N, C-alpha and C. Protein backbone atom coordinates (compact mmCIF):
# COMPACT_ATOMS: atom_id res chain seq x y z
N MET A 1 -37.13 -19.81 -4.16
CA MET A 1 -36.34 -19.30 -5.38
C MET A 1 -37.16 -18.44 -6.18
N HIS A 2 -36.55 -17.39 -6.77
CA HIS A 2 -37.41 -16.65 -7.67
C HIS A 2 -37.95 -17.23 -8.89
N PRO A 3 -39.26 -16.93 -9.23
CA PRO A 3 -39.79 -17.66 -10.30
C PRO A 3 -38.77 -17.40 -11.73
N LEU A 4 -38.26 -16.44 -11.84
CA LEU A 4 -37.44 -16.12 -12.99
C LEU A 4 -36.30 -16.90 -12.96
N CYS A 5 -35.68 -17.41 -11.89
CA CYS A 5 -34.63 -18.14 -11.80
C CYS A 5 -35.04 -19.61 -12.26
N THR A 6 -36.09 -20.09 -11.74
CA THR A 6 -36.75 -21.54 -12.08
C THR A 6 -36.92 -21.43 -13.49
N GLU A 7 -37.41 -20.23 -14.12
CA GLU A 7 -37.79 -20.38 -15.60
C GLU A 7 -36.65 -20.48 -16.36
N LEU A 8 -35.39 -19.59 -15.98
CA LEU A 8 -34.12 -19.66 -16.74
C LEU A 8 -33.58 -21.02 -16.56
N GLN A 9 -33.57 -21.77 -15.32
CA GLN A 9 -33.16 -23.02 -15.28
C GLN A 9 -33.86 -24.04 -16.10
N SER A 10 -35.09 -23.85 -16.33
CA SER A 10 -35.90 -24.67 -17.32
C SER A 10 -35.58 -24.57 -18.71
N VAL A 11 -35.18 -23.23 -19.11
CA VAL A 11 -34.77 -22.87 -20.19
C VAL A 11 -33.30 -23.55 -20.85
N VAL A 12 -32.51 -23.23 -19.84
CA VAL A 12 -31.10 -23.95 -20.10
C VAL A 12 -30.99 -25.17 -19.94
N SER A 13 -31.84 -26.07 -19.14
CA SER A 13 -32.07 -27.44 -19.10
C SER A 13 -32.59 -27.88 -20.49
N ALA A 14 -33.46 -27.22 -21.05
CA ALA A 14 -34.10 -27.91 -22.35
C ALA A 14 -33.27 -27.48 -23.55
N ASN A 15 -32.45 -26.36 -23.39
CA ASN A 15 -31.62 -26.00 -24.77
C ASN A 15 -30.27 -26.22 -24.83
N VAL A 16 -29.37 -26.01 -23.50
CA VAL A 16 -27.98 -25.98 -23.68
C VAL A 16 -27.57 -27.46 -23.81
N VAL A 17 -28.18 -28.27 -23.46
CA VAL A 17 -27.75 -29.97 -23.78
C VAL A 17 -27.51 -30.02 -25.23
N SER A 18 -28.72 -29.71 -25.84
CA SER A 18 -28.62 -29.95 -27.31
C SER A 18 -27.53 -29.24 -27.98
N VAL A 19 -27.52 -28.07 -27.73
CA VAL A 19 -26.46 -27.05 -28.36
C VAL A 19 -25.03 -27.49 -28.16
N GLN A 20 -24.71 -27.97 -26.75
CA GLN A 20 -23.38 -28.39 -26.41
C GLN A 20 -23.17 -29.73 -27.33
N LYS A 21 -24.06 -30.66 -27.32
CA LYS A 21 -23.71 -31.86 -28.03
C LYS A 21 -23.56 -31.60 -29.56
N ALA A 22 -24.40 -30.69 -29.97
CA ALA A 22 -24.18 -30.20 -31.51
C ALA A 22 -22.70 -29.68 -31.80
N PHE A 23 -22.35 -28.74 -30.87
CA PHE A 23 -21.00 -28.32 -30.81
C PHE A 23 -19.69 -29.43 -30.94
N ASP A 24 -20.06 -30.44 -30.03
CA ASP A 24 -19.08 -31.58 -29.67
C ASP A 24 -18.99 -32.37 -31.11
N SER A 25 -20.20 -32.59 -31.70
CA SER A 25 -20.25 -33.37 -33.00
C SER A 25 -19.65 -32.60 -33.99
N TYR A 26 -19.85 -31.33 -34.24
CA TYR A 26 -19.26 -30.42 -35.20
C TYR A 26 -17.56 -30.49 -34.98
N GLN A 27 -17.35 -30.17 -33.72
CA GLN A 27 -15.80 -30.16 -33.57
C GLN A 27 -15.16 -31.24 -33.94
N ASN A 28 -15.70 -32.56 -33.37
CA ASN A 28 -15.02 -33.85 -33.73
C ASN A 28 -15.08 -34.06 -35.05
N ALA A 29 -15.99 -33.72 -35.88
CA ALA A 29 -16.29 -34.15 -37.25
C ALA A 29 -15.10 -33.17 -38.16
N CYS A 30 -15.21 -31.82 -37.78
CA CYS A 30 -14.30 -30.92 -38.76
C CYS A 30 -13.01 -30.55 -38.37
N PHE A 31 -12.64 -30.77 -37.02
CA PHE A 31 -11.28 -30.41 -36.61
C PHE A 31 -10.44 -31.23 -35.96
N THR A 32 -9.15 -31.18 -35.94
CA THR A 32 -8.25 -31.93 -35.19
C THR A 32 -8.51 -31.95 -33.75
N ALA A 33 -8.45 -32.88 -33.20
CA ALA A 33 -8.62 -33.35 -31.75
C ALA A 33 -7.49 -32.34 -31.05
N ARG A 34 -8.27 -31.82 -29.88
CA ARG A 34 -7.26 -30.84 -29.22
C ARG A 34 -7.42 -31.05 -27.57
N PRO A 35 -6.54 -31.03 -26.76
CA PRO A 35 -6.87 -31.32 -25.19
C PRO A 35 -7.44 -30.16 -24.68
N PRO A 36 -8.18 -30.22 -23.49
CA PRO A 36 -8.79 -29.26 -22.77
C PRO A 36 -7.92 -27.95 -22.56
N GLU A 37 -6.58 -28.12 -22.23
CA GLU A 37 -5.77 -27.08 -22.16
C GLU A 37 -5.67 -26.03 -23.39
N PHE A 38 -5.81 -26.68 -24.49
CA PHE A 38 -5.83 -25.81 -25.52
C PHE A 38 -6.92 -24.85 -25.73
N PHE A 39 -8.15 -25.55 -25.39
CA PHE A 39 -9.53 -24.83 -25.33
C PHE A 39 -9.49 -23.88 -24.30
N CYS A 40 -9.07 -24.22 -23.15
CA CYS A 40 -9.02 -23.09 -22.04
C CYS A 40 -8.19 -21.91 -22.53
N LEU A 41 -6.98 -22.15 -23.06
CA LEU A 41 -6.32 -20.93 -23.61
C LEU A 41 -6.97 -20.19 -24.68
N GLU A 42 -7.69 -21.02 -25.61
CA GLU A 42 -8.20 -20.43 -26.75
C GLU A 42 -9.53 -19.35 -26.03
N LEU A 43 -10.04 -19.91 -25.19
CA LEU A 43 -11.22 -19.22 -24.40
C LEU A 43 -10.55 -18.05 -23.91
N CYS A 44 -9.41 -17.96 -23.10
CA CYS A 44 -8.97 -16.92 -22.59
C CYS A 44 -8.81 -15.82 -23.68
N GLY A 45 -7.95 -16.32 -24.62
CA GLY A 45 -7.54 -15.35 -25.72
C GLY A 45 -8.83 -14.82 -26.51
N GLU A 46 -9.92 -15.44 -26.61
CA GLU A 46 -11.15 -14.91 -27.34
C GLU A 46 -11.62 -13.91 -26.44
N ALA A 47 -11.75 -14.25 -24.99
CA ALA A 47 -12.53 -13.44 -24.14
C ALA A 47 -11.46 -12.09 -24.02
N GLY A 48 -10.28 -12.22 -24.06
CA GLY A 48 -9.36 -10.95 -24.16
C GLY A 48 -9.57 -10.27 -25.24
N GLU A 49 -9.95 -10.83 -26.51
CA GLU A 49 -10.04 -9.90 -27.62
C GLU A 49 -11.46 -9.16 -27.71
N LEU A 50 -12.43 -9.71 -26.94
CA LEU A 50 -13.64 -9.20 -26.66
C LEU A 50 -13.53 -8.04 -25.73
N ALA A 51 -12.72 -8.29 -24.69
CA ALA A 51 -12.44 -7.40 -23.54
C ALA A 51 -11.78 -6.07 -24.09
N ASN A 52 -10.94 -6.36 -25.18
CA ASN A 52 -10.05 -5.09 -25.91
C ASN A 52 -11.09 -4.34 -26.49
N LEU A 53 -12.05 -4.99 -27.14
CA LEU A 53 -12.88 -4.29 -28.11
C LEU A 53 -13.76 -3.35 -27.26
N GLU A 54 -14.22 -4.02 -26.06
CA GLU A 54 -15.13 -3.27 -25.15
C GLU A 54 -14.39 -2.14 -24.59
N LYS A 55 -13.10 -2.33 -24.17
CA LYS A 55 -12.36 -1.25 -23.62
C LYS A 55 -12.24 -0.04 -24.76
N LYS A 56 -11.96 -0.43 -26.07
CA LYS A 56 -11.83 0.61 -26.97
C LYS A 56 -13.37 1.48 -27.17
N LEU A 57 -14.32 0.46 -26.86
CA LEU A 57 -15.65 1.25 -26.96
C LEU A 57 -16.03 2.26 -25.78
N TRP A 58 -15.34 1.68 -24.75
CA TRP A 58 -15.58 2.56 -23.51
C TRP A 58 -14.87 3.93 -23.64
N LYS A 59 -13.65 3.79 -24.21
CA LYS A 59 -12.94 5.07 -24.25
C LYS A 59 -13.49 5.88 -25.52
N GLY A 60 -14.48 5.42 -26.24
CA GLY A 60 -15.12 6.14 -27.27
C GLY A 60 -14.79 5.87 -28.73
N ALA A 61 -13.91 4.94 -28.83
CA ALA A 61 -13.65 4.40 -30.34
C ALA A 61 -14.75 4.15 -31.18
N ASP A 62 -14.58 4.18 -32.37
CA ASP A 62 -15.62 3.85 -33.31
C ASP A 62 -15.44 2.34 -33.71
N ILE A 63 -15.99 1.31 -32.88
CA ILE A 63 -15.86 -0.03 -33.10
C ILE A 63 -17.24 -0.52 -33.84
N SER A 64 -17.11 -1.36 -34.81
CA SER A 64 -18.29 -2.00 -35.30
C SER A 64 -18.83 -2.99 -34.56
N MET A 65 -20.29 -3.01 -34.17
CA MET A 65 -20.83 -4.07 -33.47
C MET A 65 -20.68 -5.45 -34.05
N ASP A 66 -20.55 -5.54 -35.35
CA ASP A 66 -20.22 -6.67 -36.06
C ASP A 66 -18.89 -7.35 -35.52
N ARG A 67 -17.82 -6.49 -35.38
CA ARG A 67 -16.65 -7.09 -34.70
C ARG A 67 -16.75 -7.63 -33.35
N VAL A 68 -17.71 -6.73 -32.46
CA VAL A 68 -18.01 -7.29 -31.10
C VAL A 68 -18.69 -8.62 -31.19
N SER A 69 -19.82 -8.62 -31.85
CA SER A 69 -20.61 -9.75 -31.96
C SER A 69 -19.83 -10.85 -32.45
N ASP A 70 -18.89 -10.81 -33.44
CA ASP A 70 -17.88 -11.76 -33.86
C ASP A 70 -17.02 -12.46 -32.75
N GLU A 71 -16.55 -11.56 -32.03
CA GLU A 71 -15.73 -11.81 -30.84
C GLU A 71 -16.54 -12.84 -29.57
N ALA A 72 -17.74 -12.04 -29.49
CA ALA A 72 -18.70 -12.91 -28.65
C ALA A 72 -18.86 -14.30 -28.94
N ALA A 73 -19.20 -14.37 -30.40
CA ALA A 73 -19.43 -15.69 -30.80
C ALA A 73 -18.14 -16.68 -30.69
N ASP A 74 -17.05 -16.07 -30.84
CA ASP A 74 -15.87 -16.84 -30.61
C ASP A 74 -15.72 -17.25 -29.04
N VAL A 75 -15.94 -16.37 -28.26
CA VAL A 75 -16.04 -16.69 -26.90
C VAL A 75 -16.99 -17.79 -26.52
N PHE A 76 -18.32 -17.81 -27.07
CA PHE A 76 -19.12 -18.91 -26.98
C PHE A 76 -18.87 -20.22 -27.64
N ILE A 77 -18.23 -20.14 -28.70
CA ILE A 77 -17.54 -21.39 -29.21
C ILE A 77 -16.64 -22.01 -28.49
N SER A 78 -15.68 -21.20 -28.04
CA SER A 78 -14.56 -21.59 -27.19
C SER A 78 -15.06 -22.38 -25.88
N LEU A 79 -16.07 -21.64 -25.36
CA LEU A 79 -16.65 -22.19 -24.10
C LEU A 79 -17.17 -23.57 -24.31
N MET A 80 -17.99 -23.85 -25.50
CA MET A 80 -18.52 -24.96 -25.86
C MET A 80 -17.29 -26.09 -25.90
N ASN A 81 -16.31 -25.67 -26.52
CA ASN A 81 -15.26 -26.64 -26.86
C ASN A 81 -14.48 -27.02 -25.67
N TYR A 82 -14.31 -26.04 -24.58
CA TYR A 82 -13.65 -26.32 -23.46
C TYR A 82 -14.43 -27.34 -22.68
N ALA A 83 -15.87 -26.98 -22.54
CA ALA A 83 -16.64 -27.71 -21.65
C ALA A 83 -16.67 -29.11 -22.14
N ASN A 84 -16.68 -29.23 -23.55
CA ASN A 84 -16.68 -30.61 -24.08
C ASN A 84 -15.39 -31.43 -23.81
N ALA A 85 -14.50 -30.68 -24.15
CA ALA A 85 -13.11 -31.50 -23.75
C ALA A 85 -12.86 -31.77 -22.37
N ARG A 86 -13.57 -31.03 -21.49
CA ARG A 86 -13.39 -31.32 -19.88
C ARG A 86 -14.60 -32.20 -19.54
N GLY A 87 -15.47 -32.59 -20.41
CA GLY A 87 -16.67 -33.40 -19.98
C GLY A 87 -17.51 -32.62 -18.91
N ILE A 88 -17.80 -31.36 -19.20
CA ILE A 88 -18.58 -30.47 -18.27
C ILE A 88 -20.00 -30.44 -19.02
N ASP A 89 -20.97 -30.89 -18.15
CA ASP A 89 -22.37 -30.71 -18.60
C ASP A 89 -22.75 -29.20 -18.14
N LEU A 90 -22.66 -28.25 -19.23
CA LEU A 90 -23.02 -27.09 -19.02
C LEU A 90 -24.34 -26.69 -18.30
N ALA A 91 -25.34 -27.38 -18.89
CA ALA A 91 -26.53 -27.06 -18.39
C ALA A 91 -26.91 -27.37 -16.93
N ALA A 92 -26.25 -28.42 -16.38
CA ALA A 92 -26.24 -28.97 -15.11
C ALA A 92 -25.31 -27.88 -14.32
N ALA A 93 -24.25 -27.48 -14.87
CA ALA A 93 -23.40 -26.55 -14.16
C ALA A 93 -24.03 -25.18 -13.93
N VAL A 94 -24.71 -24.64 -14.87
CA VAL A 94 -25.51 -23.37 -14.99
C VAL A 94 -26.59 -23.58 -13.88
N SER A 95 -27.40 -24.59 -14.06
CA SER A 95 -28.46 -24.62 -13.15
C SER A 95 -28.16 -24.54 -11.60
N ASP A 96 -27.24 -25.32 -11.51
CA ASP A 96 -26.58 -25.30 -10.08
C ASP A 96 -26.06 -23.90 -9.84
N LYS A 97 -25.23 -23.39 -10.40
CA LYS A 97 -24.76 -22.22 -10.09
C LYS A 97 -25.79 -21.18 -9.91
N LEU A 98 -26.98 -20.98 -10.71
CA LEU A 98 -28.10 -20.21 -10.55
C LEU A 98 -28.71 -20.57 -9.17
N SER A 99 -28.97 -21.77 -8.78
CA SER A 99 -29.48 -21.98 -7.48
C SER A 99 -28.68 -21.51 -6.32
N ARG A 100 -27.34 -21.55 -6.49
CA ARG A 100 -26.49 -21.23 -5.50
C ARG A 100 -26.28 -19.56 -5.45
N ILE A 101 -26.51 -18.80 -6.56
CA ILE A 101 -26.48 -17.41 -6.65
C ILE A 101 -27.84 -16.86 -5.91
N VAL A 102 -28.91 -17.54 -6.16
CA VAL A 102 -30.17 -16.97 -5.55
C VAL A 102 -30.10 -17.31 -4.25
N THR A 103 -29.67 -18.47 -3.65
CA THR A 103 -29.81 -18.45 -2.27
C THR A 103 -28.65 -17.62 -1.50
N SER A 104 -27.72 -17.29 -2.24
CA SER A 104 -26.72 -16.26 -1.33
C SER A 104 -27.07 -14.91 -1.37
N LYS A 105 -28.05 -14.61 -2.22
CA LYS A 105 -28.40 -13.11 -1.97
C LYS A 105 -29.35 -12.75 -0.84
């Protein structure tokens, strides 16, 4: 395995667990409970909004990077909420996926 992949797996393992748990606590304390399907649809919608801004940038439109950053944050938050609603351990899933990506190259 490439040393950078091993380093990335270590960083993910050390940090994503706590970030995901913090999002779960925040979501549960501050918002109405929602099913995983809601968060999946929310994630798709937010990713679509980000993609639309990127398409406009690609076509040469003057789009504020603040708007792009805001949508990227929405995608991240939606992913955290979806993973928590489905009981997905993102740190483990990302580490596993990185291992498979490296071995398939």
